[in-house]
Amino acid sequence: MIKVSVFYPQGGGSTLFDMNYYLNKHLPMVQQKLGKACKSITVEQGLTGATPDALPSFLVITQMTFDTMQAFQAAFAPHAAAIAADTINYTKIVPILQVSEVRK
């Protein structure tokens, strides 16, 4: 299984991220474009860092799963530009992307 993680680093506060747009417009569009190749999508919203008064390292972490790297690449490549272009509608934060193999 492949997990694609998208990290949105802390950049000074949650006002830099429109969670409503992200959850209700962006992610449904992503799911529609990726189709059945995308097995699941989870979204985590950071609350705190190592201590209750510390900012979280990431405002948002989104993870998507795919059966194989080939399935991810085939589903994502044709839509990469459209997905990336929509980012300006919910944040100015440059996301960090990581593709991993789930080992356990």
Protein backbone atom coordinates (compact mmCIF):
# COMPACT_ATOMS: atom_id res chain seq x y z
CA MET A 1 0.00 0.00 0.00
CA ILE A 2 1.17 3.53 -0.79
CA LYS A 3 0.42 6.53 1.41
CA VAL A 4 0.63 10.03 0.02
CA SER A 5 1.01 12.58 2.80
CA VAL A 6 0.53 16.30 2.27
CA PHE A 7 1.87 18.49 5.09
CA TYR A 8 0.94 22.15 5.50
CA PRO A 9 3.60 23.63 7.83
CA GLN A 10 2.76 26.10 10.56
CA GLY A 11 3.06 29.56 9.13
CA GLY A 12 1.81 31.90 11.81
CA GLY A 13 -1.75 30.84 12.45
CA SER A 14 -4.82 29.06 11.23
CA THR A 15 -6.07 32.16 9.39
CA LEU A 16 -3.68 31.10 6.65
CA PHE A 17 -5.77 28.02 5.90
CA ASP A 18 -9.45 27.90 4.93
CA MET A 19 -10.44 24.53 6.35
CA ASN A 20 -14.05 24.88 5.22
CA TYR A 21 -13.01 25.28 1.57
CA TYR A 22 -10.44 22.52 1.89
CA LEU A 23 -12.90 19.97 3.31
CA ASN A 24 -15.96 20.91 1.26
CA LYS A 25 -14.53 21.91 -2.13
CA HIS A 26 -10.88 20.95 -2.60
CA LEU A 27 -10.92 17.40 -1.24
CA PRO A 28 -14.14 16.38 -3.03
CA MET A 29 -12.55 17.65 -6.26
CA VAL A 30 -9.37 15.67 -5.54
CA GLN A 31 -11.38 12.52 -4.76
CA GLN A 32 -13.38 12.91 -7.97
CA LYS A 33 -10.24 13.31 -10.08
CA LEU A 34 -8.35 10.42 -8.45
CA GLY A 35 -11.37 8.14 -8.63
CA LYS A 36 -11.36 4.61 -7.28
CA ALA A 37 -7.55 4.51 -7.26
CA CYS A 38 -7.67 6.58 -4.06
CA LYS A 39 -8.76 4.15 -1.36
CA SER A 40 -9.02 6.62 1.53
CA ILE A 41 -8.41 10.22 2.53
CA THR A 42 -7.89 11.40 6.10
CA VAL A 43 -7.36 14.94 7.32
CA GLU A 44 -5.77 15.96 10.60
CA GLN A 45 -5.89 19.52 11.92
CA GLY A 46 -2.98 20.35 14.23
CA LEU A 47 -3.93 21.57 17.68
CA THR A 48 -0.69 21.92 19.66
CA GLY A 49 2.96 21.00 19.60
CA ALA A 50 4.93 19.14 22.27
CA THR A 51 3.35 21.24 25.01
CA PRO A 52 -0.20 22.58 25.26
CA ASP A 53 0.92 26.15 24.59
CA ALA A 54 3.19 25.31 21.62
CA LEU A 55 1.99 25.75 18.06
CA PRO A 56 1.64 22.55 16.04
CA SER A 57 4.39 21.86 13.51
CA PHE A 58 1.76 21.41 10.82
CA LEU A 59 -1.61 23.17 10.51
CA VAL A 60 -2.99 20.30 8.43
CA ILE A 61 -1.83 16.82 7.44
CA THR A 62 -3.74 14.97 4.75
CA GLN A 63 -3.08 11.35 3.89
CA MET A 64 -4.35 9.38 0.90
CA THR A 65 -3.88 5.68 0.28
CA PHE A 66 -3.43 3.79 -2.98
CA ASP A 67 -2.83 0.11 -3.69
CA THR A 68 0.41 0.71 -5.62
CA MET A 69 2.76 3.46 -6.72
CA GLN A 70 1.64 2.87 -10.30
CA ALA A 71 -2.02 3.34 -9.30
CA PHE A 72 -1.16 6.63 -7.59
CA GLN A 73 0.91 7.92 -10.51
CA ALA A 74 -1.70 6.94 -13.11
CA ALA A 75 -4.49 8.64 -11.15
CA PHE A 76 -2.57 11.75 -10.10
CA ALA A 77 -0.42 12.69 -13.10
CA PRO A 78 -3.26 13.76 -15.44
CA HIS A 79 -4.73 16.03 -12.74
CA ALA A 80 -1.65 17.31 -10.90
CA ALA A 81 -1.82 20.80 -12.41
CA ALA A 82 -5.52 21.28 -11.65
CA ILE A 83 -5.13 20.02 -8.08
CA ALA A 84 -2.14 22.28 -7.46
CA ALA A 85 -3.86 25.28 -9.04
CA ASP A 86 -6.74 25.04 -6.57
CA THR A 87 -4.37 25.46 -3.61
CA ILE A 88 -4.58 29.27 -3.82
CA ASN A 89 -8.27 29.03 -2.94
CA TYR A 90 -7.58 27.78 0.59
CA THR A 91 -3.98 28.66 1.54
CA LYS A 92 -0.78 30.45 0.62
CA ILE A 93 1.24 27.80 2.45
CA VAL A 94 3.40 25.70 0.16
CA PRO A 95 2.59 22.07 0.97
CA ILE A 96 5.20 19.38 1.50
CA LEU A 97 4.42 16.08 -0.24
CA GLN A 98 5.76 12.68 0.74
CA VAL A 99 4.99 9.33 -0.86
CA SER A 100 5.61 6.34 1.40
CA GLU A 101 5.22 2.60 1.36
CA VAL A 102 3.13 1.38 4.29
CA ARG A 103 5.16 -1.37 5.89
CA LYS A 104 2.97 -2.36 8.83
